Structure formats: C-alpha cells, structure tokens
Amino acid sequence: YSLKLDSNPAFTSSVLVAYARAVSRMS
C-alpha cells in the first residue's frame, strides 16, 4: 500500500473529515 502526497496536511485533513462522518454515525 503506497501514498504519494503533494501536501501532507491537505491529505491528512481529507482523512479526518471522512472519519468525522463515521464518528457522527457511530455516536
């Protein structure tokens, strides 16, 4: 599994937002 990222914080942010959706659903 590999990642090549132009922007570390921009990609990390996208992961955080997707998981925020999951947290809302589980809550």
PDB file of all heavy atoms in Angstrom:
ATOM      1  N   TYR A   1       0.881  -1.172   0.000  1.00  0.00           N
ATOM      2  CA  TYR A   1       0.000   0.000   0.000  1.00  0.00           C
ATOM      3  C   TYR A   1       0.912   1.214   0.000  1.00  0.00           C
ATOM      4  O   TYR A   1       1.849   1.306   0.803  1.00  0.00           O
ATOM      5  CB  TYR A   1      -0.873  -0.007   1.248  1.00  0.00           C
ATOM      6  CG  TYR A   1      -1.777   1.193   1.404  1.00  0.00           C
ATOM      7  CD1 TYR A   1      -2.983   1.270   0.720  1.00  0.00           C
ATOM      8  CD2 TYR A   1      -1.437   2.246   2.240  1.00  0.00           C
ATOM      9  CE1 TYR A   1      -3.824   2.371   0.863  1.00  0.00           C
ATOM     10  CE2 TYR A   1      -2.267   3.344   2.395  1.00  0.00           C
ATOM     11  CZ  TYR A   1      -3.455   3.403   1.707  1.00  0.00           C
ATOM     12  OH  TYR A   1      -4.283   4.491   1.845  1.00  0.00           O
ATOM     13  N   SER A   2       0.666   2.139  -0.921  1.00  0.00           N
ATOM     14  CA  SER A   2       1.571   3.288  -1.020  1.00  0.00           C
ATOM     15  C   SER A   2       0.791   4.589  -1.163  1.00  0.00           C
ATOM     16  O   SER A   2      -0.353   4.615  -1.635  1.00  0.00           O
ATOM     17  CB  SER A   2       2.520   3.125  -2.216  1.00  0.00           C
ATOM     18  OG  SER A   2       1.812   3.206  -3.439  1.00  0.00           O
ATOM     19  N   LEU A   3       1.428   5.670  -0.735  1.00  0.00           N
ATOM     20  CA  LEU A   3       0.878   7.012  -0.869  1.00  0.00           C
ATOM     21  C   LEU A   3       1.943   7.942  -1.430  1.00  0.00           C
ATOM     22  O   LEU A   3       3.117   7.846  -1.057  1.00  0.00           O
ATOM     23  CB  LEU A   3       0.437   7.566   0.494  1.00  0.00           C
ATOM     24  CG  LEU A   3      -0.746   6.904   1.189  1.00  0.00           C
ATOM     25  CD1 LEU A   3      -0.937   7.517   2.574  1.00  0.00           C
ATOM     26  CD2 LEU A   3      -2.011   7.068   0.371  1.00  0.00           C
ATOM     27  N   LYS A   4       1.538   8.832  -2.314  1.00  0.00           N
ATOM     28  CA  LYS A   4       2.405   9.892  -2.819  1.00  0.00           C
ATOM     29  C   LYS A   4       1.599  11.174  -2.746  1.00  0.00           C
ATOM     30  O   LYS A   4       0.649  11.363  -3.506  1.00  0.00           O
ATOM     31  CB  LYS A   4       2.859   9.605  -4.250  1.00  0.00           C
ATOM     32  CG  LYS A   4       3.867  10.628  -4.769  1.00  0.00           C
ATOM     33  CD  LYS A   4       4.355  10.262  -6.170  1.00  0.00           C
ATOM     34  CE  LYS A   4       5.389  11.273  -6.660  1.00  0.00           C
ATOM     35  NZ  LYS A   4       5.856  10.937  -8.021  1.00  0.00           N
ATOM     36  N   LEU A   5       1.970  12.065  -1.838  1.00  0.00           N
ATOM     37  CA  LEU A   5       1.145  13.209  -1.492  1.00  0.00           C
ATOM     38  C   LEU A   5       1.836  14.529  -1.834  1.00  0.00           C
ATOM     39  O   LEU A   5       2.949  14.783  -1.396  1.00  0.00           O
ATOM     40  CB  LEU A   5       0.837  13.192   0.017  1.00  0.00           C
ATOM     41  CG  LEU A   5       0.395  11.848   0.610  1.00  0.00           C
ATOM     42  CD1 LEU A   5       0.259  11.958   2.119  1.00  0.00           C
ATOM     43  CD2 LEU A   5      -0.913  11.399  -0.031  1.00  0.00           C
ATOM     44  N   ASP A   6       1.150  15.367  -2.595  1.00  0.00           N
ATOM     45  CA  ASP A   6       1.661  16.714  -2.849  1.00  0.00           C
ATOM     46  C   ASP A   6       1.663  17.535  -1.572  1.00  0.00           C
ATOM     47  O   ASP A   6       2.536  18.380  -1.360  1.00  0.00           O
ATOM     48  CB  ASP A   6       0.793  17.439  -3.894  1.00  0.00           C
ATOM     49  CG  ASP A   6       1.176  17.077  -5.314  1.00  0.00           C
ATOM     50  OD1 ASP A   6       2.204  16.400  -5.506  1.00  0.00           O
ATOM     51  OD2 ASP A   6       0.440  17.473  -6.240  1.00  0.00           O
ATOM     52  N   SER A   7       0.653  17.316  -0.720  1.00  0.00           N
ATOM     53  CA  SER A   7       0.543  18.068   0.530  1.00  0.00           C
ATOM     54  C   SER A   7       0.137  17.132   1.650  1.00  0.00           C
ATOM     55  O   SER A   7      -0.973  16.601   1.658  1.00  0.00           O
ATOM     56  CB  SER A   7      -0.496  19.191   0.401  1.00  0.00           C
ATOM     57  OG  SER A   7      -0.785  19.765   1.673  1.00  0.00           O
ATOM     58  N   ASN A   8       1.037  16.943   2.588  1.00  0.00           N
ATOM     59  CA  ASN A   8       0.768  16.108   3.752  1.00  0.00           C
ATOM     60  C   ASN A   8      -0.461  16.610   4.526  1.00  0.00           C
ATOM     61  O   ASN A   8      -1.397  15.844   4.756  1.00  0.00           O
ATOM     62  CB  ASN A   8       2.028  16.096   4.634  1.00  0.00           C
ATOM     63  CG  ASN A   8       1.877  15.281   5.903  1.00  0.00           C
ATOM     64  OD1 ASN A   8       0.816  14.756   6.215  1.00  0.00           O
ATOM     65  ND2 ASN A   8       2.954  15.188   6.659  1.00  0.00           N
ATOM     66  N   PRO A   9      -0.519  17.894   4.934  1.00  0.00           N
ATOM     67  CA  PRO A   9      -1.684  18.334   5.712  1.00  0.00           C
ATOM     68  C   PRO A   9      -2.995  18.294   4.940  1.00  0.00           C
ATOM     69  O   PRO A   9      -4.050  18.026   5.525  1.00  0.00           O
ATOM     70  CB  PRO A   9      -1.321  19.760   6.142  1.00  0.00           C
ATOM     71  CG  PRO A   9      -0.248  20.189   5.235  1.00  0.00           C
ATOM     72  CD  PRO A   9       0.500  18.954   4.865  1.00  0.00           C
ATOM     73  N   ALA A  10      -2.967  18.544   3.631  1.00  0.00           N
ATOM     74  CA  ALA A  10      -4.208  18.520   2.855  1.00  0.00           C
ATOM     75  C   ALA A  10      -4.781  17.105   2.796  1.00  0.00           C
ATOM     76  O   ALA A  10      -5.999  16.909   2.925  1.00  0.00           O
ATOM     77  CB  ALA A  10      -3.966  19.048   1.440  1.00  0.00           C
ATOM     78  N   PHE A  11      -3.922  16.098   2.624  1.00  0.00           N
ATOM     79  CA  PHE A  11      -4.405  14.720   2.595  1.00  0.00           C
ATOM     80  C   PHE A  11      -4.871  14.278   3.975  1.00  0.00           C
ATOM     81  O   PHE A  11      -5.936  13.657   4.123  1.00  0.00           O
ATOM     82  CB  PHE A  11      -3.321  13.769   2.084  1.00  0.00           C
ATOM     83  CG  PHE A  11      -3.783  12.341   1.994  1.00  0.00           C
ATOM     84  CD1 PHE A  11      -4.548  11.905   0.931  1.00  0.00           C
ATOM     85  CD2 PHE A  11      -3.478  11.428   3.004  1.00  0.00           C
ATOM     86  CE1 PHE A  11      -4.994  10.588   0.852  1.00  0.00           C
ATOM     87  CE2 PHE A  11      -3.913  10.111   2.938  1.00  0.00           C
ATOM     88  CZ  PHE A  11      -4.674   9.695   1.855  1.00  0.00           C
ATOM     89  N   THR A  12      -4.070  14.586   4.998  1.00  0.00           N
ATOM     90  CA  THR A  12      -4.460  14.230   6.359  1.00  0.00           C
ATOM     91  C   THR A  12      -5.821  14.826   6.699  1.00  0.00           C
ATOM     92  O   THR A  12      -6.671  14.176   7.326  1.00  0.00           O
ATOM     93  CB  THR A  12      -3.404  14.716   7.362  1.00  0.00           C
ATOM     94  OG1 THR A  12      -2.155  14.097   7.063  1.00  0.00           O
ATOM     95  CG2 THR A  12      -3.796  14.390   8.795  1.00  0.00           C
ATOM     96  N   SER A  13      -6.059  16.055   6.266  1.00  0.00           N
ATOM     97  CA  SER A  13      -7.340  16.721   6.514  1.00  0.00           C
ATOM     98  C   SER A  13      -8.490  15.962   5.875  1.00  0.00           C
ATOM     99  O   SER A  13      -9.574  15.821   6.465  1.00  0.00           O
ATOM    100  CB  SER A  13      -7.301  18.151   5.962  1.00  0.00           C
ATOM    101  OG  SER A  13      -6.303  18.916   6.596  1.00  0.00           O
ATOM    102  N   SER A  14      -8.288  15.464   4.664  1.00  0.00           N
ATOM    103  CA  SER A  14      -9.331  14.707   3.983  1.00  0.00           C
ATOM    104  C   SER A  14      -9.659  13.415   4.722  1.00  0.00           C
ATOM    105  O   SER A  14     -10.821  12.999   4.784  1.00  0.00           O
ATOM    106  CB  SER A  14      -8.908  14.392   2.543  1.00  0.00           C
ATOM    107  OG  SER A  14      -8.855  15.569   1.762  1.00  0.00           O
ATOM    108  N   VAL A  15      -8.637  12.789   5.297  1.00  0.00           N
ATOM    109  CA  VAL A  15      -8.869  11.585   6.096  1.00  0.00           C
ATOM    110  C   VAL A  15      -9.673  11.937   7.346  1.00  0.00           C
ATOM    111  O   VAL A  15     -10.625  11.244   7.715  1.00  0.00           O
ATOM    112  CB  VAL A  15      -7.530  10.920   6.480  1.00  0.00           C
ATOM    113  CG1 VAL A  15      -7.778   9.691   7.354  1.00  0.00           C
ATOM    114  CG2 VAL A  15      -6.742  10.524   5.240  1.00  0.00           C
ATOM    115  N   LEU A  16      -9.320  13.031   7.996  1.00  0.00           N
ATOM    116  CA  LEU A  16     -10.015  13.446   9.215  1.00  0.00           C
ATOM    117  C   LEU A  16     -11.497  13.704   8.957  1.00  0.00           C
ATOM    118  O   LEU A  16     -12.358  13.332   9.765  1.00  0.00           O
ATOM    119  CB  LEU A  16      -9.363  14.716   9.780  1.00  0.00           C
ATOM    120  CG  LEU A  16      -7.945  14.566  10.339  1.00  0.00           C
ATOM    121  CD1 LEU A  16      -7.366  15.944  10.647  1.00  0.00           C
ATOM    122  CD2 LEU A  16      -7.933  13.700  11.582  1.00  0.00           C
ATOM    123  N   VAL A  17     -11.807  14.331   7.830  1.00  0.00           N
ATOM    124  CA  VAL A  17     -13.198  14.652   7.511  1.00  0.00           C
ATOM    125  C   VAL A  17     -14.002  13.373   7.254  1.00  0.00           C
ATOM    126  O   VAL A  17     -15.142  13.238   7.708  1.00  0.00           O
ATOM    127  CB  VAL A  17     -13.275  15.623   6.314  1.00  0.00           C
ATOM    128  CG1 VAL A  17     -14.712  15.764   5.818  1.00  0.00           C
ATOM    129  CG2 VAL A  17     -12.726  16.985   6.716  1.00  0.00           C
ATOM    130  N   ALA A  18     -13.429  12.424   6.527  1.00  0.00           N
ATOM    131  CA  ALA A  18     -14.124  11.164   6.281  1.00  0.00           C
ATOM    132  C   ALA A  18     -14.409  10.436   7.589  1.00  0.00           C
ATOM    133  O   ALA A  18     -15.500   9.889   7.797  1.00  0.00           O
ATOM    134  CB  ALA A  18     -13.303  10.277   5.343  1.00  0.00           C
ATOM    135  N   TYR A  19     -13.447  10.449   8.493  1.00  0.00           N
ATOM    136  CA  TYR A  19     -13.648   9.773   9.774  1.00  0.00           C
ATOM    137  C   TYR A  19     -14.579  10.549  10.701  1.00  0.00           C
ATOM    138  O   TYR A  19     -15.216   9.954  11.582  1.00  0.00           O
ATOM    139  CB  TYR A  19     -12.305   9.480  10.435  1.00  0.00           C
ATOM    140  CG  TYR A  19     -11.715   8.171   9.951  1.00  0.00           C
ATOM    141  CD1 TYR A  19     -10.819   8.138   8.896  1.00  0.00           C
ATOM    142  CD2 TYR A  19     -12.090   6.972  10.539  1.00  0.00           C
ATOM    143  CE1 TYR A  19     -10.302   6.940   8.425  1.00  0.00           C
ATOM    144  CE2 TYR A  19     -11.574   5.769  10.085  1.00  0.00           C
ATOM    145  CZ  TYR A  19     -10.685   5.752   9.035  1.00  0.00           C
ATOM    146  OH  TYR A  19     -10.185   4.550   8.572  1.00  0.00           O
ATOM    147  N   ALA A  20     -14.677  11.856  10.504  1.00  0.00           N
ATOM    148  CA  ALA A  20     -15.667  12.625  11.267  1.00  0.00           C
ATOM    149  C   ALA A  20     -17.078  12.145  10.923  1.00  0.00           C
ATOM    150  O   ALA A  20     -17.962  12.082  11.785  1.00  0.00           O
ATOM    151  CB  ALA A  20     -15.519  14.119  10.973  1.00  0.00           C
ATOM    152  N   ARG A  21     -17.301  11.806   9.668  1.00  0.00           N
ATOM    153  CA  ARG A  21     -18.593  11.246   9.244  1.00  0.00           C
ATOM    154  C   ARG A  21     -18.862   9.934  10.002  1.00  0.00           C
ATOM    155  O   ARG A  21     -19.973   9.706  10.507  1.00  0.00           O
ATOM    156  CB  ARG A  21     -18.585  10.999   7.737  1.00  0.00           C
ATOM    157  CG  ARG A  21     -19.870  10.342   7.224  1.00  0.00           C
ATOM    158  CD  ARG A  21     -19.788  10.007   5.752  1.00  0.00           C
ATOM    159  NE  ARG A  21     -19.772  11.216   4.926  1.00  0.00           N
ATOM    160  CZ  ARG A  21     -18.732  11.619   4.193  1.00  0.00           C
ATOM    161  NH1 ARG A  21     -17.616  10.898   4.166  1.00  0.00           N
ATOM    162  NH2 ARG A  21     -18.803  12.719   3.473  1.00  0.00           N
ATOM    163  N   ALA A  22     -17.846   9.095  10.079  1.00  0.00           N
ATOM    164  CA  ALA A  22     -18.006   7.821  10.781  1.00  0.00           C
ATOM    165  C   ALA A  22     -18.285   8.035  12.262  1.00  0.00           C
ATOM    166  O   ALA A  22     -19.125   7.345  12.856  1.00  0.00           O
ATOM    167  CB  ALA A  22     -16.749   6.966  10.597  1.00  0.00           C
ATOM    168  N   VAL A  23     -17.598   8.982  12.875  1.00  0.00           N
ATOM    169  CA  VAL A  23     -17.808   9.268  14.295  1.00  0.00           C
ATOM    170  C   VAL A  23     -19.231   9.749  14.537  1.00  0.00           C
ATOM    171  O   VAL A  23     -19.884   9.352  15.510  1.00  0.00           O
ATOM    172  CB  VAL A  23     -16.782  10.307  14.795  1.00  0.00           C
ATOM    173  CG1 VAL A  23     -17.187  10.875  16.151  1.00  0.00           C
ATOM    174  CG2 VAL A  23     -15.396   9.666  14.888  1.00  0.00           C
ATOM    175  N   SER A  24     -19.736  10.603  13.659  1.00  0.00           N
ATOM    176  CA  SER A  24     -21.111  11.083  13.798  1.00  0.00           C
ATOM    177  C   SER A  24     -22.095   9.916  13.732  1.00  0.00           C
ATOM    178  O   SER A  24     -23.031   9.819  14.546  1.00  0.00           O
ATOM    179  CB  SER A  24     -21.417  12.103  12.698  1.00  0.00           C
ATOM    180  OG  SER A  24     -22.759  12.539  12.769  1.00  0.00           O
ATOM    181  N   ARG A  25     -21.884   9.018  12.780  1.00  0.00           N
ATOM    182  CA  ARG A  25     -22.790   7.868  12.634  1.00  0.00           C
ATOM    183  C   ARG A  25     -22.722   6.942  13.843  1.00  0.00           C
ATOM    184  O   ARG A  25     -23.754   6.483  14.353  1.00  0.00           O
ATOM    185  CB  ARG A  25     -22.430   7.095  11.359  1.00  0.00           C
ATOM    186  CG  ARG A  25     -22.773   7.852  10.082  1.00  0.00           C
ATOM    187  CD  ARG A  25     -22.257   7.125   8.853  1.00  0.00           C
ATOM    188  NE  ARG A  25     -22.743   7.762   7.632  1.00  0.00           N
ATOM    189  CZ  ARG A  25     -22.373   7.402   6.403  1.00  0.00           C
ATOM    190  NH1 ARG A  25     -21.515   6.402   6.239  1.00  0.00           N
ATOM    191  NH2 ARG A  25     -22.848   8.034   5.348  1.00  0.00           N
ATOM    192  N   MET A  26     -21.528   6.660  14.319  1.00  0.00           N
ATOM    193  CA  MET A  26     -21.383   5.762  15.461  1.00  0.00           C
ATOM    194  C   MET A  26     -21.931   6.390  16.735  1.00  0.00           C
ATOM    195  O   MET A  26     -22.504   5.706  17.588  1.00  0.00           O
ATOM    196  CB  MET A  26     -19.912   5.370  15.622  1.00  0.00           C
ATOM    197  CG  MET A  26     -19.389   4.516  14.472  1.00  0.00           C
ATOM    198  SD  MET A  26     -17.610   4.184  14.572  1.00  0.00           S
ATOM    199  CE  MET A  26     -17.550   3.063  15.968  1.00  0.00           C
ATOM    200  N   SER A  27     -21.766   7.694  16.874  1.00  0.00           N
ATOM    201  CA  SER A  27     -22.323   8.393  18.024  1.00  0.00           C
ATOM    202  C   SER A  27     -23.846   8.315  18.021  1.00  0.00           C
ATOM    203  O   SER A  27     -24.474   8.090  19.065  1.00  0.00           O
ATOM    204  CB  SER A  27     -21.880   9.856  18.019  1.00  0.00           C
ATOM    205  OG  SER A  27     -22.502  10.584  19.062  1.00  0.00           O
TER     206      SER A  27
END
